[in-house]
Amino acid sequence: MAGTSLDGVDAALVSVAGPATAPRVRLQEFTSVPYSPGIRRRVLQVAAGQQVPAGEISQLNFLLGTLFADAALEVCRKAGVPPGQLAGIGSHGQTIFHQGNATAEAGHRVNSTLQIAEPAVIAELTGAVVVANFRTADMAAGGQGAPLVPLVDYLLLSEGNQGTAALNIGGIANVTVIPAGAAAEDVFGFDTGPGNMIMDDLAHVLTHGRRHYDPNGRMAARGKVLEDILAQALQYPYFRKQPPRSAGREQFGEEFVKRIFLSRFPGARAEDLLRTANELTAATVAGALRQYVFPRVSIARLVVSGGGAHNQLLLSRISELLSEIEVVTSDAFGLPVDAKEAIAFAVLADRTLHGLPGNLPAVTGARRAVVLGSISRP
């Protein structure tokens, strides 16, 4: 798994057993392989929509395939498991473009997504069957291609006696809503908006490249919320869009950061800008749950995962804004916060290899449930 934060490749070695309707999932090993500064810069150029030659995208696709294979081999090495024993590899790839909402193109309604990290390269270097391009089948069926983790949240976190919301805070924040005793068709979810993306971009700019993120929200904790910037950011149309909805750098990338935040720097302190970005994520998560979730479903707990789960300021603000429910991390359920998304794509790959659907139409807006991904064989 590589996310919109563009920090590197997460690899989880996962055993999956039992029936497909109630799989038993165990994390055996996890590793995270960071991108070098040069590769991160090249990927960011493409993902931010800068004009680059087609050859650069092609080169990155094959280069990242090699890096993803390295991550898969490394997690096997750490676990002492020969790659030949793998049933398969699920590779989300690195998103460089995502347009969930269809637009008119040549007389048709078209939406699209593009993840790179060539699966044929991963298959060749690891000797394993690779499932990749998870989002495209859902989009072909009229969905937004995201979020896809909600099905796995349902399989692993549902309970009969209480409603659960699962919040992943990566570059983008997304929520899965699982009513008490839910069937799969009762589950819904959507991207709430920015997770770490704005904070990470600000940390990179404001520290002149010395940091790519604000560890544990420490810089932000020294600042104060700039209410005028927060109010302006909250007017962004995405936050009023009804689910299903999905977001990425196209909404909350470089242009948003420059227009809303950096236009005020250096007049505003770096700590205050980071504190305001932190509050934007907390406010939009809480606002999305209050507007689109609580009126429909009784929720007792919010289970948080992703890199944002390490940001103590962010977690405390979400807890304060949603004081009526319990806020816990996914660690409590055997799903380490950093590994949960990589675990999810292992489970989705397993479903694909067994011919089982991997999307939830109520989440993505697809016309039907579909088997996800393309398969590359070594």
Protein backbone atom coordinates (compact mmCIF):
# COMPACT_ATOMS: atom_id res chain seq x y z
CA MET A 1 0.00 0.00 0.00
CA ALA A 2 1.20 3.50 -0.85
CA GLY A 3 -1.04 6.40 0.04
CA THR A 4 -1.58 10.03 -0.84
CA SER A 5 1.00 11.11 1.74
CA LEU A 6 3.66 9.81 -0.69
CA ASP A 7 5.93 8.68 2.13
CA GLY A 8 6.70 5.18 0.87
CA VAL A 9 5.45 1.61 0.61
CA ASP A 10 3.78 -0.30 3.45
CA ALA A 11 3.88 -4.10 3.25
CA ALA A 12 1.93 -6.48 5.47
CA LEU A 13 2.33 -10.27 5.52
CA VAL A 14 -1.12 -11.59 6.38
CA SER A 15 -2.65 -15.02 6.89
CA VAL A 16 -6.33 -15.30 5.93
CA ALA A 17 -8.38 -18.34 6.95
CA GLY A 18 -11.97 -19.35 7.53
CA PRO A 19 -15.12 -18.55 5.55
CA ALA A 20 -15.19 -15.53 3.25
CA THR A 21 -18.11 -14.07 5.20
CA ALA A 22 -16.10 -14.08 8.45
CA PRO A 23 -12.40 -14.40 7.65
CA ARG A 24 -9.82 -14.87 10.37
CA VAL A 25 -7.02 -12.45 9.61
CA ARG A 26 -3.67 -12.41 11.38
CA LEU A 27 -0.83 -10.00 10.76
CA GLN A 28 2.43 -11.95 10.71
CA GLU A 29 4.83 -9.12 9.86
CA PHE A 30 4.83 -5.51 8.73
CA THR A 31 7.40 -3.19 7.23
CA SER A 32 7.44 0.28 5.75
CA VAL A 33 9.95 1.22 3.07
CA PRO A 34 10.28 5.00 2.63
CA TYR A 35 10.66 6.69 -0.72
CA SER A 36 13.95 8.45 -1.27
CA PRO A 37 13.63 12.26 -1.48
CA GLY A 38 14.23 12.08 -5.24
CA ILE A 39 11.51 9.51 -5.88
CA ARG A 40 9.06 11.30 -3.61
CA ARG A 41 9.71 14.53 -5.51
CA ARG A 42 9.11 12.83 -8.87
CA VAL A 43 5.90 11.14 -7.73
CA LEU A 44 4.65 14.39 -6.20
CA GLN A 45 5.28 16.23 -9.47
CA VAL A 46 3.02 13.83 -11.32
CA ALA A 47 0.39 13.52 -8.57
CA ALA A 48 0.19 17.30 -8.20
CA GLY A 49 -0.79 17.61 -11.87
CA GLN A 50 2.41 19.19 -13.13
CA GLN A 51 3.12 18.65 -16.81
CA VAL A 52 5.60 15.82 -17.28
CA PRO A 53 6.43 13.70 -20.34
CA ALA A 54 4.56 10.43 -20.76
CA GLY A 55 7.95 8.76 -20.53
CA GLU A 56 8.36 9.97 -16.94
CA ILE A 57 5.09 8.32 -15.91
CA SER A 58 6.12 5.13 -17.71
CA GLN A 59 9.52 5.08 -15.99
CA LEU A 60 7.97 5.73 -12.58
CA ASN A 61 5.45 2.95 -13.14
CA PHE A 62 8.21 0.37 -13.64
CA LEU A 63 10.51 1.87 -10.98
CA LEU A 64 7.76 1.78 -8.35
CA GLY A 65 6.96 -1.79 -9.38
CA THR A 66 10.52 -2.64 -8.39
CA LEU A 67 10.18 -0.79 -5.07
CA PHE A 68 6.88 -2.51 -4.29
CA ALA A 69 8.52 -5.87 -5.02
CA ASP A 70 11.40 -4.93 -2.71
CA ALA A 71 8.89 -4.16 0.07
CA ALA A 72 7.12 -7.50 -0.43
CA LEU A 73 10.41 -9.40 -0.34
CA GLU A 74 11.55 -7.47 2.74
CA VAL A 75 8.43 -8.27 4.76
CA CYS A 76 8.81 -11.95 3.82
CA ARG A 77 12.48 -11.85 4.87
CA LYS A 78 11.58 -10.30 8.23
CA ALA A 79 8.99 -13.01 8.83
CA GLY A 80 11.23 -15.85 7.65
CA VAL A 81 8.66 -16.83 5.01
CA PRO A 82 9.93 -17.78 1.52
CA PRO A 83 8.14 -15.75 -1.19
CA GLY A 84 7.28 -19.03 -2.89
CA GLN A 85 4.83 -19.73 -0.07
CA LEU A 86 2.72 -16.65 -0.86
CA ALA A 87 -0.80 -17.32 -2.14
CA GLY A 88 -0.66 -13.89 -3.73
CA ILE A 89 0.24 -10.22 -3.37
CA GLY A 90 -2.32 -7.44 -3.30
CA SER A 91 -0.83 -4.16 -4.57
CA HIS A 92 -2.81 -0.96 -4.31
CA GLY A 93 -0.11 0.90 -6.19
CA GLN A 94 0.62 4.61 -5.96
CA THR A 95 -2.25 6.87 -6.94
CA ILE A 96 -1.18 9.65 -9.27
CA PHE A 97 -4.66 10.67 -10.44
CA HIS A 98 -8.18 10.09 -9.18
CA GLN A 99 -11.37 11.65 -10.49
CA GLY A 100 -14.30 10.01 -8.78
CA ASN A 101 -17.01 12.17 -10.32
CA ALA A 102 -17.77 11.62 -13.99
CA THR A 103 -17.52 14.45 -16.51
CA ALA A 104 -18.76 14.70 -20.10
CA GLU A 105 -16.15 13.39 -22.55
CA ALA A 106 -16.85 12.74 -26.27
CA GLY A 107 -20.53 12.16 -25.63
CA HIS A 108 -19.99 9.90 -22.61
CA ARG A 109 -19.82 10.32 -18.84
CA VAL A 110 -16.28 9.38 -17.82
CA ASN A 111 -14.44 9.17 -14.52
CA SER A 112 -11.00 7.70 -14.10
CA THR A 113 -8.22 6.71 -11.76
CA LEU A 114 -4.57 5.77 -12.21
CA GLN A 115 -2.34 3.85 -9.82
CA ILE A 116 1.23 3.05 -10.84
CA ALA A 117 3.74 0.37 -9.69
CA GLU A 118 3.72 -2.13 -12.52
CA PRO A 119 2.24 -5.44 -11.24
CA ALA A 120 4.02 -7.52 -13.91
CA VAL A 121 7.33 -6.34 -12.43
CA ILE A 122 6.20 -7.26 -8.90
CA ALA A 123 5.13 -10.72 -10.10
CA GLU A 124 8.41 -11.33 -11.92
CA LEU A 125 10.63 -10.23 -9.03
CA THR A 126 8.71 -12.04 -6.29
CA GLY A 127 7.48 -15.11 -8.16
CA ALA A 128 3.99 -14.52 -6.77
CA VAL A 129 0.60 -13.92 -8.34
CA VAL A 130 -0.20 -10.19 -8.05
CA VAL A 131 -3.62 -8.56 -7.81
CA ALA A 132 -3.53 -4.85 -8.66
CA ASN A 133 -5.66 -2.04 -10.17
CA PHE A 134 -8.33 -2.57 -7.54
CA ARG A 135 -10.27 0.61 -8.22
CA THR A 136 -10.97 0.30 -11.94
CA ALA A 137 -13.66 -2.41 -11.93
CA ASP A 138 -15.75 -0.45 -9.45
CA MET A 139 -15.45 2.68 -11.62
CA ALA A 140 -16.36 0.71 -14.74
CA ALA A 141 -19.55 -0.28 -12.87
CA GLY A 142 -20.39 3.38 -12.22
CA GLY A 143 -18.69 3.77 -8.84
CA GLN A 144 -16.11 6.27 -7.64
CA GLY A 145 -13.49 3.57 -7.06
CA ALA A 146 -13.06 4.67 -3.46
CA PRO A 147 -13.07 4.07 -0.63
CA LEU A 148 -12.53 0.29 -0.87
CA VAL A 149 -11.44 -0.50 2.69
CA PRO A 150 -15.04 -0.39 4.07
CA LEU A 151 -15.73 -4.00 3.04
CA VAL A 152 -12.72 -5.13 5.06
CA ASP A 153 -13.81 -2.92 7.98
CA TYR A 154 -17.17 -4.67 7.86
CA LEU A 155 -15.59 -8.13 7.83
CA LEU A 156 -13.20 -7.39 10.70
CA LEU A 157 -14.93 -4.83 12.94
CA SER A 158 -18.68 -5.44 12.81
CA GLU A 159 -20.47 -6.32 16.04
CA GLY A 160 -24.00 -7.45 16.74
CA ASN A 161 -24.79 -5.12 19.62
CA GLN A 162 -23.26 -1.76 18.77
CA GLY A 163 -22.62 0.47 15.79
CA THR A 164 -19.03 1.18 14.76
CA ALA A 165 -17.43 3.87 12.62
CA ALA A 166 -13.93 3.07 11.34
CA LEU A 167 -11.86 6.16 10.52
CA ASN A 168 -8.63 5.89 8.56
CA ILE A 169 -6.51 9.02 8.62
CA GLY A 170 -4.00 8.81 5.80
CA GLY A 171 -3.37 11.65 3.39
CA ILE A 172 -7.15 11.66 3.01
CA ALA A 173 -9.49 10.71 5.85
CA ASN A 174 -12.23 8.17 5.16
CA VAL A 175 -14.90 6.62 7.32
CA THR A 176 -16.75 3.30 7.23
CA VAL A 177 -20.08 3.12 9.03
CA ILE A 178 -21.16 -0.32 10.31
CA PRO A 179 -24.57 -0.41 12.02
CA ALA A 180 -25.11 -2.89 14.84
CA GLY A 181 -25.79 -6.32 13.39
CA ALA A 182 -25.32 -4.98 9.86
CA ALA A 183 -25.47 -6.98 6.68
CA ALA A 184 -22.94 -5.96 4.02
CA GLU A 185 -25.55 -3.91 2.16
CA ASP A 186 -26.18 -1.83 5.32
CA VAL A 187 -22.60 -0.56 5.44
CA PHE A 188 -21.75 2.81 3.96
CA GLY A 189 -18.75 5.10 3.93
CA PHE A 190 -17.02 8.02 2.25
CA ASP A 191 -13.99 10.30 2.32
CA THR A 192 -14.54 13.01 4.92
CA GLY A 193 -11.84 15.23 3.40
CA PRO A 194 -8.18 15.92 4.22
CA GLY A 195 -6.41 13.69 6.70
CA ASN A 196 -2.68 14.33 7.00
CA MET A 197 -2.22 15.72 3.50
CA ILE A 198 -2.47 19.43 4.25
CA MET A 199 -0.48 19.14 7.48
CA ASP A 200 2.27 17.16 5.71
CA ASP A 201 2.53 19.63 2.83
CA LEU A 202 2.68 22.55 5.24
CA ALA A 203 5.36 20.87 7.37
CA HIS A 204 7.47 20.29 4.25
CA VAL A 205 7.19 23.90 3.06
CA LEU A 206 7.44 25.60 6.44
CA THR A 207 10.55 23.64 7.49
CA HIS A 208 12.17 24.18 4.07
CA GLY A 209 12.10 20.46 3.33
CA ARG A 210 13.65 19.31 6.62
CA ARG A 211 10.44 17.48 7.58
CA HIS A 212 7.70 15.77 5.59
CA TYR A 213 5.26 15.74 8.51
CA ASP A 214 4.69 17.10 12.02
CA PRO A 215 5.60 14.21 14.37
CA ASN A 216 2.76 13.57 16.85
CA GLY A 217 1.40 17.04 16.07
CA ARG A 218 4.08 18.62 18.27
CA MET A 219 4.56 21.76 16.16
CA ALA A 220 0.82 22.25 15.80
CA ALA A 221 0.37 21.87 19.57
CA ARG A 222 2.45 25.04 20.06
CA GLY A 223 0.17 27.05 17.79
CA LYS A 224 -3.32 28.49 17.86
CA VAL A 225 -6.19 28.12 15.43
CA LEU A 226 -6.44 30.97 12.92
CA GLU A 227 -10.23 31.21 12.84
CA ASP A 228 -10.46 33.22 9.62
CA ILE A 229 -8.39 30.67 7.67
CA LEU A 230 -10.36 27.79 9.18
CA ALA A 231 -13.65 29.45 8.25
CA GLN A 232 -12.46 30.00 4.68
CA ALA A 233 -11.29 26.40 4.36
CA LEU A 234 -14.61 25.05 5.66
CA GLN A 235 -16.42 26.86 2.85
CA TYR A 236 -14.81 24.54 0.30
CA PRO A 237 -17.65 22.91 -1.67
CA TYR A 238 -16.44 19.35 -1.06
CA PHE A 239 -17.55 19.50 2.57
CA ARG A 240 -21.16 20.08 1.51
CA LYS A 241 -21.18 17.25 -1.02
CA GLN A 242 -23.46 14.35 -0.19
CA PRO A 243 -21.90 10.85 -0.01
CA PRO A 244 -20.83 8.76 -1.80
CA ARG A 245 -17.80 10.95 -2.32
CA SER A 246 -14.06 10.50 -2.66
CA ALA A 247 -11.15 12.93 -2.58
CA GLY A 248 -7.43 13.20 -3.26
CA ARG A 249 -4.73 15.67 -4.22
CA GLU A 250 -7.07 16.99 -6.90
CA GLN A 251 -9.13 18.56 -4.09
CA PHE A 252 -6.70 19.07 -1.20
CA GLY A 253 -3.25 19.19 -2.77
CA GLU A 254 -0.80 21.94 -3.59
CA GLU A 255 -3.31 24.43 -5.00
CA PHE A 256 -5.59 24.24 -1.94
CA VAL A 257 -2.64 24.60 0.45
CA LYS A 258 -1.26 27.62 -1.39
CA ARG A 259 -4.61 29.39 -1.74
CA ILE A 260 -5.93 28.83 1.77
CA PHE A 261 -2.82 28.55 3.95
CA LEU A 262 0.44 29.67 2.35
CA SER A 263 -1.05 32.91 1.05
CA ARG A 264 -0.90 34.00 4.70
CA PHE A 265 2.72 33.03 5.30
CA PRO A 266 5.09 34.51 6.57
CA GLY A 267 2.62 36.85 8.28
CA ALA A 268 1.21 33.87 10.15
CA ARG A 269 3.43 31.65 12.29
CA ALA A 270 4.21 28.16 11.04
CA GLU A 271 2.85 26.66 14.28
CA ASP A 272 -0.44 28.51 13.85
CA LEU A 273 -0.87 27.33 10.24
CA LEU A 274 -0.19 23.73 11.27
CA ARG A 275 -2.58 24.03 14.22
CA THR A 276 -5.27 25.35 11.87
CA ALA A 277 -4.72 22.51 9.40
CA ASN A 278 -4.94 20.04 12.28
CA GLU A 279 -8.23 21.60 13.35
CA LEU A 280 -9.56 21.47 9.80
CA THR A 281 -9.10 17.70 9.72
CA ALA A 282 -10.70 17.24 13.15
CA ALA A 283 -13.60 19.58 12.35
CA THR A 284 -14.37 17.99 8.98
CA VAL A 285 -14.24 14.46 10.41
CA ALA A 286 -16.58 15.41 13.24
CA GLY A 287 -18.80 17.47 10.96
CA ALA A 288 -19.15 14.65 8.45
CA LEU A 289 -20.19 12.20 11.15
CA ARG A 290 -22.72 14.60 12.63
CA GLN A 291 -24.21 15.53 9.27
CA TYR A 292 -24.15 12.26 7.33
CA VAL A 293 -23.81 9.44 9.90
CA PHE A 294 -25.44 10.17 13.27
CA PRO A 295 -28.88 10.99 11.79
CA ARG A 296 -28.91 7.52 10.14
CA VAL A 297 -27.09 5.18 12.53
CA SER A 298 -26.47 4.88 16.25
CA ILE A 299 -22.69 4.79 16.71
CA ALA A 300 -21.02 3.78 19.97
CA ARG A 301 -17.36 3.88 18.98
CA LEU A 302 -14.95 5.36 16.46
CA VAL A 303 -12.00 3.09 15.58
CA VAL A 304 -9.08 5.14 14.23
CA SER A 305 -6.18 3.91 12.09
CA GLY A 306 -3.61 5.32 9.67
CA GLY A 307 -0.68 7.62 10.25
CA GLY A 308 -2.95 10.28 11.74
CA ALA A 309 -3.62 7.98 14.69
CA HIS A 310 -0.14 8.92 15.96
CA ASN A 311 -1.09 12.61 16.06
CA GLN A 312 -2.14 13.03 19.68
CA LEU A 313 -3.41 16.57 19.15
CA LEU A 314 -5.62 15.42 16.29
CA LEU A 315 -7.00 12.46 18.23
CA SER A 316 -7.72 14.59 21.28
CA ARG A 317 -9.58 17.16 19.18
CA ILE A 318 -11.65 14.48 17.45
CA SER A 319 -12.47 13.01 20.87
CA GLU A 320 -13.51 16.43 22.18
CA LEU A 321 -15.67 17.19 19.14
CA LEU A 322 -17.32 13.75 19.34
CA SER A 323 -17.46 13.45 23.12
CA GLU A 324 -20.59 11.28 23.11
CA ILE A 325 -18.82 8.27 21.52
CA GLU A 326 -15.72 6.26 22.41
CA VAL A 327 -12.64 6.98 20.29
CA VAL A 328 -10.09 4.14 20.18
CA THR A 329 -7.33 3.06 17.80
CA SER A 330 -7.47 -0.10 15.69
CA ASP A 331 -4.56 -1.51 17.74
CA ALA A 332 -7.18 -2.65 20.24
CA PHE A 333 -8.61 -5.01 17.58
CA GLY A 334 -5.32 -6.58 16.47
CA LEU A 335 -5.02 -4.18 13.53
CA PRO A 336 -1.95 -1.96 14.06
CA VAL A 337 -2.73 1.57 12.95
CA ASP A 338 0.13 1.75 10.43
CA ALA A 339 -0.57 -1.67 8.92
CA LYS A 340 -4.36 -1.64 8.63
CA GLU A 341 -4.64 -0.42 5.03
CA ALA A 342 -1.97 -2.83 3.81
CA ILE A 343 -3.83 -5.61 5.65
CA ALA A 344 -7.02 -4.51 3.90
CA PHE A 345 -5.54 -4.93 0.43
CA ALA A 346 -4.23 -8.38 1.34
CA VAL A 347 -7.80 -9.33 2.28
CA LEU A 348 -9.19 -7.76 -0.91
CA ALA A 349 -6.61 -9.65 -3.00
CA ASP A 350 -7.65 -12.88 -1.31
CA ARG A 351 -11.26 -12.19 -2.26
CA THR A 352 -10.27 -11.50 -5.86
CA LEU A 353 -8.33 -14.77 -6.09
CA HIS A 354 -11.47 -16.56 -4.86
CA GLY A 355 -13.75 -14.74 -7.33
CA LEU A 356 -15.54 -12.74 -4.62
CA PRO A 357 -16.69 -9.09 -4.87
CA GLY A 358 -14.52 -6.52 -3.11
CA ASN A 359 -16.57 -3.33 -3.30
CA LEU A 360 -19.66 -2.10 -1.47
CA PRO A 361 -22.00 -0.31 -3.90
CA ALA A 362 -23.56 1.73 -1.07
CA VAL A 363 -20.09 3.13 -0.39
CA THR A 364 -18.74 3.77 -3.88
CA GLY A 365 -21.98 4.36 -5.77
CA ALA A 366 -21.38 1.44 -8.14
CA ARG A 367 -24.35 -0.22 -9.85
CA ARG A 368 -23.38 -3.61 -8.45
CA ALA A 369 -20.82 -5.52 -6.45
CA VAL A 370 -17.88 -6.59 -8.62
CA VAL A 371 -14.70 -8.64 -8.37
CA LEU A 372 -11.85 -6.16 -8.13
CA GLY A 373 -8.46 -6.00 -9.73
CA SER A 374 -6.39 -7.42 -12.54
CA ILE A 375 -4.17 -10.46 -12.05
CA SER A 376 -0.52 -10.74 -13.12
CA ARG A 377 1.16 -14.13 -12.98
CA PRO A 378 4.91 -14.73 -12.73
